[in-house]
Amino acid sequence: MPIDQAGVDGKIYDTFIEIISLNEKMMEEFTEAGNSIGKKSSLQKESKLLLLRNGA
């Protein structure tokens, strides 16, 4: 779509671009949260293994 749309077409285009931008930001946040949760889970598993190995 051309960037210089006017009227209703322009508003639809602007809204479409805004939705895409928000979706990209949301995916970045989900990816970051997933990585954080994965690291936390991995650390918890490692600490449980260490406790088991040390007889706790």
PDB file of N, CA and C in Angstrom:
ATOM      1  N   MET A   1       0.844  -1.190   0.000  1.00  0.00           N
ATOM      2  CA  MET A   1       0.000   0.000   0.000  1.00  0.00           C
ATOM      3  C   MET A   1       0.882   1.244   0.000  1.00  0.00           C
ATOM      4  N   PRO A   2       0.505   2.241  -0.748  1.00  0.00           N
ATOM      5  CA  PRO A   2       1.256   3.495  -0.715  1.00  0.00           C
ATOM      6  C   PRO A   2       1.118   4.180   0.640  1.00  0.00           C
ATOM      7  N   ILE A   3       2.156   4.877   1.029  1.00  0.00           N
ATOM      8  CA  ILE A   3       2.159   5.536   2.332  1.00  0.00           C
ATOM      9  C   ILE A   3       1.244   6.757   2.355  1.00  0.00           C
ATOM     10  N   ASP A   4       1.038   7.411   1.220  1.00  0.00           N
ATOM     11  CA  ASP A   4       0.315   8.679   1.182  1.00  0.00           C
ATOM     12  C   ASP A   4      -1.187   8.520   0.920  1.00  0.00           C
ATOM     13  N   GLN A   5      -1.806   7.491   1.445  1.00  0.00           N
ATOM     14  CA  GLN A   5      -3.251   7.302   1.285  1.00  0.00           C
ATOM     15  C   GLN A   5      -3.998   8.380   2.071  1.00  0.00           C
ATOM     16  N   ALA A   6      -5.114   8.834   1.524  1.00  0.00           N
ATOM     17  CA  ALA A   6      -5.913   9.862   2.178  1.00  0.00           C
ATOM     18  C   ALA A   6      -7.267   9.287   2.560  1.00  0.00           C
ATOM     19  N   GLY A   7      -7.942   9.988   3.451  1.00  0.00           N
ATOM     20  CA  GLY A   7      -9.303   9.613   3.823  1.00  0.00           C
ATOM     21  C   GLY A   7      -9.370   8.294   4.571  1.00  0.00           C
ATOM     22  N   VAL A   8     -10.449   7.565   4.309  1.00  0.00           N
ATOM     23  CA  VAL A   8     -10.698   6.300   4.999  1.00  0.00           C
ATOM     24  C   VAL A   8      -9.583   5.299   4.702  1.00  0.00           C
ATOM     25  N   ASP A   9      -9.126   5.253   3.446  1.00  0.00           N
ATOM     26  CA  ASP A   9      -8.042   4.333   3.093  1.00  0.00           C
ATOM     27  C   ASP A   9      -6.790   4.615   3.922  1.00  0.00           C
ATOM     28  N   GLY A  10      -6.486   5.884   4.106  1.00  0.00           N
ATOM     29  CA  GLY A  10      -5.320   6.269   4.907  1.00  0.00           C
ATOM     30  C   GLY A  10      -5.472   5.867   6.358  1.00  0.00           C
ATOM     31  N   LYS A  11      -6.676   6.041   6.903  1.00  0.00           N
ATOM     32  CA  LYS A  11      -6.922   5.659   8.295  1.00  0.00           C
ATOM     33  C   LYS A  11      -6.810   4.146   8.470  1.00  0.00           C
ATOM     34  N   ILE A  12      -7.336   3.405   7.505  1.00  0.00           N
ATOM     35  CA  ILE A  12      -7.229   1.940   7.555  1.00  0.00           C
ATOM     36  C   ILE A  12      -5.761   1.530   7.505  1.00  0.00           C
ATOM     37  N   TYR A  13      -5.024   2.148   6.614  1.00  0.00           N
ATOM     38  CA  TYR A  13      -3.600   1.848   6.483  1.00  0.00           C
ATOM     39  C   TYR A  13      -2.863   2.156   7.782  1.00  0.00           C
ATOM     40  N   ASP A  14      -3.104   3.343   8.348  1.00  0.00           N
ATOM     41  CA  ASP A  14      -2.445   3.730   9.598  1.00  0.00           C
ATOM     42  C   ASP A  14      -2.777   2.752  10.720  1.00  0.00           C
ATOM     43  N   THR A  15      -4.038   2.354  10.812  1.00  0.00           N
ATOM     44  CA  THR A  15      -4.460   1.407  11.844  1.00  0.00           C
ATOM     45  C   THR A  15      -3.796   0.057  11.631  1.00  0.00           C
ATOM     46  N   PHE A  16      -3.730  -0.382  10.387  1.00  0.00           N
ATOM     47  CA  PHE A  16      -3.085  -1.650  10.052  1.00  0.00           C
ATOM     48  C   PHE A  16      -1.615  -1.640  10.475  1.00  0.00           C
ATOM     49  N   ILE A  17      -0.917  -0.566  10.158  1.00  0.00           N
ATOM     50  CA  ILE A  17       0.499  -0.440  10.523  1.00  0.00           C
ATOM     51  C   ILE A  17       0.649  -0.417  12.043  1.00  0.00           C
ATOM     52  N   GLU A  18      -0.246   0.267  12.734  1.00  0.00           N
ATOM     53  CA  GLU A  18      -0.200   0.323  14.197  1.00  0.00           C
ATOM     54  C   GLU A  18      -0.403  -1.072  14.797  1.00  0.00           C
ATOM     55  N   ILE A  19      -1.336  -1.829  14.251  1.00  0.00           N
ATOM     56  CA  ILE A  19      -1.592  -3.190  14.734  1.00  0.00           C
ATOM     57  C   ILE A  19      -0.355  -4.067  14.525  1.00  0.00           C
ATOM     58  N   ILE A  20       0.265  -3.960  13.375  1.00  0.00           N
ATOM     59  CA  ILE A  20       1.478  -4.738  13.102  1.00  0.00           C
ATOM     60  C   ILE A  20       2.572  -4.370  14.096  1.00  0.00           C
ATOM     61  N   SER A  21       2.737  -3.083  14.342  1.00  0.00           N
ATOM     62  CA  SER A  21       3.758  -2.618  15.280  1.00  0.00           C
ATOM     63  C   SER A  21       3.491  -3.148  16.691  1.00  0.00           C
ATOM     64  N   LEU A  22       2.232  -3.080  17.119  1.00  0.00           N
ATOM     65  CA  LEU A  22       1.880  -3.585  18.448  1.00  0.00           C
ATOM     66  C   LEU A  22       2.102  -5.092  18.539  1.00  0.00           C
ATOM     67  N   ASN A  23       1.777  -5.818  17.480  1.00  0.00           N
ATOM     68  CA  ASN A  23       2.005  -7.269  17.462  1.00  0.00           C
ATOM     69  C   ASN A  23       3.492  -7.598  17.563  1.00  0.00           C
ATOM     70  N   GLU A  24       4.325  -6.829  16.879  1.00  0.00           N
ATOM     71  CA  GLU A  24       5.769  -7.051  16.951  1.00  0.00           C
ATOM     72  C   GLU A  24       6.277  -6.822  18.368  1.00  0.00           C
ATOM     73  N   LYS A  25       5.811  -5.744  19.009  1.00  0.00           N
ATOM     74  CA  LYS A  25       6.222  -5.458  20.387  1.00  0.00           C
ATOM     75  C   LYS A  25       5.749  -6.560  21.333  1.00  0.00           C
ATOM     76  N   MET A  26       4.525  -7.035  21.124  1.00  0.00           N
ATOM     77  CA  MET A  26       3.979  -8.088  21.967  1.00  0.00           C
ATOM     78  C   MET A  26       4.795  -9.376  21.810  1.00  0.00           C
ATOM     79  N   MET A  27       5.165  -9.713  20.592  1.00  0.00           N
ATOM     80  CA  MET A  27       5.969 -10.915  20.363  1.00  0.00           C
ATOM     81  C   MET A  27       7.335 -10.796  21.027  1.00  0.00           C
ATOM     82  N   GLU A  28       7.930  -9.605  20.984  1.00  0.00           N
ATOM     83  CA  GLU A  28       9.211  -9.392  21.657  1.00  0.00           C
ATOM     84  C   GLU A  28       9.058  -9.609  23.159  1.00  0.00           C
ATOM     85  N   GLU A  29       7.967  -9.093  23.737  1.00  0.00           N
ATOM     86  CA  GLU A  29       7.726  -9.260  25.168  1.00  0.00           C
ATOM     87  C   GLU A  29       7.465 -10.722  25.520  1.00  0.00           C
ATOM     88  N   PHE A  30       6.696 -11.430  24.691  1.00  0.00           N
ATOM     89  CA  PHE A  30       6.445 -12.853  24.936  1.00  0.00           C
ATOM     90  C   PHE A  30       7.738 -13.655  24.857  1.00  0.00           C
ATOM     91  N   THR A  31       8.571 -13.328  23.882  1.00  0.00           N
ATOM     92  CA  THR A  31       9.847 -14.022  23.734  1.00  0.00           C
ATOM     93  C   THR A  31      10.725 -13.779  24.951  1.00  0.00           C
ATOM     94  N   GLU A  32      10.790 -12.523  25.393  1.00  0.00           N
ATOM     95  CA  GLU A  32      11.588 -12.180  26.569  1.00  0.00           C
ATOM     96  C   GLU A  32      11.054 -12.891  27.812  1.00  0.00           C
ATOM     97  N   ALA A  33       9.739 -12.902  27.982  1.00  0.00           N
ATOM     98  CA  ALA A  33       9.135 -13.577  29.133  1.00  0.00           C
ATOM     99  C   ALA A  33       9.406 -15.074  29.072  1.00  0.00           C
ATOM    100  N   GLY A  34       9.276 -15.664  27.903  1.00  0.00           N
ATOM    101  CA  GLY A  34       9.537 -17.095  27.749  1.00  0.00           C
ATOM    102  C   GLY A  34      10.976 -17.443  28.075  1.00  0.00           C
ATOM    103  N   ASN A  35      11.896 -16.620  27.616  1.00  0.00           N
ATOM    104  CA  ASN A  35      13.309 -16.848  27.923  1.00  0.00           C
ATOM    105  C   ASN A  35      13.566 -16.725  29.415  1.00  0.00           C
ATOM    106  N   SER A  36      12.963 -15.732  30.031  1.00  0.00           N
ATOM    107  CA  SER A  36      13.127 -15.522  31.470  1.00  0.00           C
ATOM    108  C   SER A  36      12.559 -16.693  32.261  1.00  0.00           C
ATOM    109  N   ILE A  37      11.381 -17.144  31.883  1.00  0.00           N
ATOM    110  CA  ILE A  37      10.750 -18.280  32.561  1.00  0.00           C
ATOM    111  C   ILE A  37      11.588 -19.538  32.358  1.00  0.00           C
ATOM    112  N   GLY A  38      12.087 -19.730  31.157  1.00  0.00           N
ATOM    113  CA  GLY A  38      12.925 -20.892  30.870  1.00  0.00           C
ATOM    114  C   GLY A  38      14.189 -20.902  31.703  1.00  0.00           C
ATOM    115  N   LYS A  39      14.830 -19.746  31.849  1.00  0.00           N
ATOM    116  CA  LYS A  39      16.044 -19.646  32.657  1.00  0.00           C
ATOM    117  C   LYS A  39      15.731 -19.933  34.116  1.00  0.00           C
ATOM    118  N   LYS A  40      14.612 -19.375  34.604  1.00  0.00           N
ATOM    119  CA  LYS A  40      14.231 -19.582  36.001  1.00  0.00           C
ATOM    120  C   LYS A  40      13.961 -21.058  36.251  1.00  0.00           C
ATOM    121  N   SER A  41      13.246 -21.689  35.351  1.00  0.00           N
ATOM    122  CA  SER A  41      12.927 -23.110  35.484  1.00  0.00           C
ATOM    123  C   SER A  41      14.203 -23.950  35.470  1.00  0.00           C
ATOM    124  N   SER A  42      15.112 -23.608  34.575  1.00  0.00           N
ATOM    125  CA  SER A  42      16.373 -24.334  34.476  1.00  0.00           C
ATOM    126  C   SER A  42      17.182 -24.181  35.757  1.00  0.00           C
ATOM    127  N   LEU A  43      17.225 -22.974  36.308  1.00  0.00           N
ATOM    128  CA  LEU A  43      17.955 -22.740  37.554  1.00  0.00           C
ATOM    129  C   LEU A  43      17.325 -23.505  38.712  1.00  0.00           C
ATOM    130  N   GLN A  44      15.997 -23.559  38.748  1.00  0.00           N
ATOM    131  CA  GLN A  44      15.317 -24.298  39.810  1.00  0.00           C
ATOM    132  C   GLN A  44      15.642 -25.785  39.713  1.00  0.00           C
ATOM    133  N   LYS A  45      15.651 -26.323  38.509  1.00  0.00           N
ATOM    134  CA  LYS A  45      15.979 -27.740  38.322  1.00  0.00           C
ATOM    135  C   LYS A  45      17.414 -28.020  38.756  1.00  0.00           C
ATOM    136  N   GLU A  46      18.331 -27.133  38.375  1.00  0.00           N
ATOM    137  CA  GLU A  46      19.731 -27.317  38.744  1.00  0.00           C
ATOM    138  C   GLU A  46      19.913 -27.264  40.249  1.00  0.00           C
ATOM    139  N   SER A  47      19.236 -26.324  40.925  1.00  0.00           N
ATOM    140  CA  SER A  47      19.391 -26.228  42.374  1.00  0.00           C
ATOM    141  C   SER A  47      18.785 -27.439  43.072  1.00  0.00           C
ATOM    142  N   LYS A  48      17.693 -27.986  42.537  1.00  0.00           N
ATOM    143  CA  LYS A  48      17.116 -29.201  43.123  1.00  0.00           C
ATOM    144  C   LYS A  48      18.082 -30.370  42.970  1.00  0.00           C
ATOM    145  N   LEU A  49      18.709 -30.472  41.800  1.00  0.00           N
ATOM    146  CA  LEU A  49      19.680 -31.541  41.584  1.00  0.00           C
ATOM    147  C   LEU A  49      20.862 -31.408  42.533  1.00  0.00           C
ATOM    148  N   LEU A  50      21.338 -30.192  42.724  1.00  0.00           N
ATOM    149  CA  LEU A  50      22.450 -29.967  43.648  1.00  0.00           C
ATOM    150  C   LEU A  50      22.060 -30.353  45.067  1.00  0.00           C
ATOM    151  N   LEU A  51      20.846 -30.001  45.471  1.00  0.00           N
ATOM    152  CA  LEU A  51      20.381 -30.363  46.811  1.00  0.00           C
ATOM    153  C   LEU A  51      20.297 -31.881  46.959  1.00  0.00           C
ATOM    154  N   LEU A  52      19.793 -32.547  45.932  1.00  0.00           N
ATOM    155  CA  LEU A  52      19.689 -34.009  45.982  1.00  0.00           C
ATOM    156  C   LEU A  52      21.070 -34.661  46.032  1.00  0.00           C
ATOM    157  N   ARG A  53      21.990 -34.130  45.284  1.00  0.00           N
ATOM    158  CA  ARG A  53      23.356 -34.681  45.268  1.00  0.00           C
ATOM    159  C   ARG A  53      24.051 -34.484  46.605  1.00  0.00           C
ATOM    160  N   ASN A  54      23.733 -33.381  47.265  1.00  0.00           N
ATOM    161  CA  ASN A  54      24.375 -33.071  48.544  1.00  0.00           C
ATOM    162  C   ASN A  54      23.622 -33.669  49.720  1.00  0.00           C
ATOM    163  N   GLY A  55      22.605 -34.458  49.460  1.00  0.00           N
ATOM    164  CA  GLY A  55      21.896 -35.158  50.518  1.00  0.00           C
ATOM    165  C   GLY A  55      20.893 -34.324  51.277  1.00  0.00           C
ATOM    166  N   ALA A  56      20.427 -33.262  50.703  1.00  0.00           N
ATOM    167  CA  ALA A  56      19.437 -32.426  51.399  1.00  0.00           C
ATOM    168  C   ALA A  56      18.042 -32.927  51.147  1.00  0.00           C
TER     169      ALA A  56
END
